[in-house]
Amino acid sequence: MSKNGKRYDEQFKKDILRLIQEEGRSVSSIVKDFGVNGQTVRNWLKASQERQDPDNPR
């Protein structure tokens, strides 16, 4: 299976995560405003949380 999906740079990901984590934006509002797939944003959130607390497996 080909992975030719849209790629986002690290700064864009950080900005999206900041909007959610610090400003309280919902994933659905990010999807509507930025056109990013909701599952993609949730994957970024999960990866961010795992980096922040690697000893807490989910």
N, C-alpha and C. Protein backbone atom coordinates (compact mmCIF):
# COMPACT_ATOMS: atom_id res chain seq x y z
N MET A 1 0.84 -1.18 0.00
CA MET A 1 0.00 0.00 0.00
C MET A 1 0.88 1.24 0.00
N SER A 2 0.57 2.16 -0.86
CA SER A 2 1.36 3.37 -1.03
C SER A 2 1.03 4.40 0.05
N LYS A 3 2.06 5.09 0.53
CA LYS A 3 1.86 6.16 1.51
C LYS A 3 2.09 7.50 0.82
N ASN A 4 1.19 7.85 -0.08
CA ASN A 4 1.32 9.10 -0.82
C ASN A 4 0.39 10.18 -0.29
N GLY A 5 0.01 10.08 0.97
CA GLY A 5 -0.89 11.06 1.57
C GLY A 5 -0.22 12.41 1.73
N LYS A 6 -1.00 13.37 2.16
CA LYS A 6 -0.49 14.72 2.36
C LYS A 6 0.48 14.74 3.54
N ARG A 7 1.57 15.46 3.39
CA ARG A 7 2.58 15.58 4.44
C ARG A 7 2.53 16.96 5.05
N TYR A 8 2.72 17.04 6.34
CA TYR A 8 2.72 18.31 7.05
C TYR A 8 4.06 18.48 7.73
N ASP A 9 4.59 19.71 7.71
CA ASP A 9 5.88 19.92 8.36
C ASP A 9 5.70 19.99 9.88
N GLU A 10 6.81 19.85 10.58
CA GLU A 10 6.79 19.77 12.04
C GLU A 10 6.22 21.04 12.68
N GLN A 11 6.51 22.20 12.11
CA GLN A 11 5.99 23.44 12.69
C GLN A 11 4.47 23.50 12.61
N PHE A 12 3.91 23.04 11.49
CA PHE A 12 2.46 23.01 11.35
C PHE A 12 1.84 22.09 12.40
N LYS A 13 2.44 20.92 12.60
CA LYS A 13 1.95 19.97 13.61
C LYS A 13 2.00 20.60 15.00
N LYS A 14 3.12 21.25 15.33
CA LYS A 14 3.26 21.90 16.64
C LYS A 14 2.20 22.97 16.83
N ASP A 15 1.93 23.74 15.77
CA ASP A 15 0.92 24.79 15.87
C ASP A 15 -0.47 24.20 16.11
N ILE A 16 -0.79 23.13 15.41
CA ILE A 16 -2.09 22.47 15.59
C ILE A 16 -2.21 21.92 17.01
N LEU A 17 -1.18 21.26 17.50
CA LEU A 17 -1.20 20.70 18.85
C LEU A 17 -1.31 21.82 19.90
N ARG A 18 -0.66 22.94 19.67
CA ARG A 18 -0.75 24.06 20.60
C ARG A 18 -2.18 24.60 20.66
N LEU A 19 -2.83 24.70 19.51
CA LEU A 19 -4.21 25.17 19.48
C LEU A 19 -5.12 24.26 20.30
N ILE A 20 -4.87 22.98 20.23
CA ILE A 20 -5.71 22.01 20.95
C ILE A 20 -5.36 22.00 22.44
N GLN A 21 -4.08 21.90 22.75
CA GLN A 21 -3.66 21.71 24.13
C GLN A 21 -3.67 22.99 24.95
N GLU A 22 -3.30 24.11 24.37
CA GLU A 22 -3.19 25.35 25.13
C GLU A 22 -4.40 26.26 24.98
N GLU A 23 -5.04 26.22 23.83
CA GLU A 23 -6.17 27.12 23.61
C GLU A 23 -7.51 26.40 23.69
N GLY A 24 -7.47 25.08 23.89
CA GLY A 24 -8.71 24.34 24.10
C GLY A 24 -9.55 24.11 22.86
N ARG A 25 -8.95 24.22 21.68
CA ARG A 25 -9.70 23.97 20.46
C ARG A 25 -10.02 22.49 20.35
N SER A 26 -11.14 22.16 19.75
CA SER A 26 -11.52 20.77 19.54
C SER A 26 -10.90 20.26 18.24
N VAL A 27 -10.76 18.94 18.15
CA VAL A 27 -10.25 18.34 16.92
C VAL A 27 -11.18 18.68 15.76
N SER A 28 -12.49 18.64 16.00
CA SER A 28 -13.43 18.92 14.91
C SER A 28 -13.30 20.36 14.40
N SER A 29 -13.00 21.31 15.28
CA SER A 29 -12.84 22.69 14.81
C SER A 29 -11.55 22.83 14.00
N ILE A 30 -10.52 22.10 14.38
CA ILE A 30 -9.26 22.11 13.62
C ILE A 30 -9.49 21.52 12.24
N VAL A 31 -10.24 20.42 12.18
CA VAL A 31 -10.55 19.77 10.90
C VAL A 31 -11.27 20.75 9.98
N LYS A 32 -12.25 21.44 10.51
CA LYS A 32 -13.03 22.40 9.70
C LYS A 32 -12.18 23.58 9.25
N ASP A 33 -11.38 24.12 10.15
CA ASP A 33 -10.62 25.34 9.85
C ASP A 33 -9.38 25.09 8.99
N PHE A 34 -8.73 23.93 9.16
CA PHE A 34 -7.45 23.70 8.48
C PHE A 34 -7.51 22.60 7.43
N GLY A 35 -8.60 21.85 7.37
CA GLY A 35 -8.73 20.80 6.36
C GLY A 35 -7.85 19.59 6.60
N VAL A 36 -7.44 19.40 7.85
CA VAL A 36 -6.61 18.24 8.20
C VAL A 36 -7.54 17.10 8.60
N ASN A 37 -7.21 15.90 8.21
CA ASN A 37 -8.00 14.73 8.58
C ASN A 37 -8.03 14.57 10.10
N GLY A 38 -9.21 14.30 10.63
CA GLY A 38 -9.36 14.18 12.08
C GLY A 38 -8.51 13.08 12.68
N GLN A 39 -8.41 11.94 12.02
CA GLN A 39 -7.59 10.85 12.55
C GLN A 39 -6.12 11.23 12.55
N THR A 40 -5.70 12.01 11.58
CA THR A 40 -4.31 12.49 11.54
C THR A 40 -4.02 13.33 12.77
N VAL A 41 -4.93 14.24 13.10
CA VAL A 41 -4.74 15.10 14.27
C VAL A 41 -4.72 14.26 15.55
N ARG A 42 -5.61 13.28 15.65
CA ARG A 42 -5.62 12.42 16.84
C ARG A 42 -4.33 11.61 16.94
N ASN A 43 -3.78 11.19 15.81
CA ASN A 43 -2.49 10.48 15.83
C ASN A 43 -1.38 11.39 16.34
N TRP A 44 -1.39 12.66 15.92
CA TRP A 44 -0.39 13.62 16.40
C TRP A 44 -0.53 13.82 17.90
N LEU A 45 -1.77 13.92 18.38
CA LEU A 45 -2.00 14.08 19.82
C LEU A 45 -1.47 12.89 20.60
N LYS A 46 -1.76 11.70 20.11
CA LYS A 46 -1.31 10.48 20.79
C LYS A 46 0.22 10.43 20.84
N ALA A 47 0.85 10.72 19.72
CA ALA A 47 2.31 10.70 19.66
C ALA A 47 2.91 11.75 20.60
N SER A 48 2.29 12.91 20.67
CA SER A 48 2.75 13.97 21.55
C SER A 48 2.64 13.56 23.01
N GLN A 49 1.53 12.94 23.37
CA GLN A 49 1.34 12.49 24.75
C GLN A 49 2.32 11.38 25.11
N GLU A 50 2.62 10.50 24.17
CA GLU A 50 3.58 9.43 24.43
C GLU A 50 4.99 9.99 24.61
N ARG A 51 5.33 11.04 23.86
CA ARG A 51 6.65 11.68 24.02
C ARG A 51 6.76 12.37 25.37
N GLN A 52 5.66 12.97 25.83
CA GLN A 52 5.67 13.72 27.09
C GLN A 52 5.73 12.77 28.29
N ASP A 53 5.13 11.60 28.17
CA ASP A 53 5.06 10.65 29.30
C ASP A 53 5.30 9.23 28.80
N PRO A 54 6.55 8.92 28.45
CA PRO A 54 6.85 7.60 27.86
C PRO A 54 6.65 6.44 28.84
N ASP A 55 6.59 6.70 30.15
CA ASP A 55 6.43 5.63 31.12
C ASP A 55 4.98 5.25 31.39
N ASN A 56 4.06 5.96 30.75
CA ASN A 56 2.63 5.72 30.97
C ASN A 56 2.02 5.09 29.72
N PRO A 57 2.13 3.76 29.57
CA PRO A 57 1.55 3.11 28.39
C PRO A 57 0.04 3.19 28.44
N ARG A 58 -0.58 3.37 27.31
CA ARG A 58 -2.03 3.48 27.24
C ARG A 58 -2.64 2.18 26.83
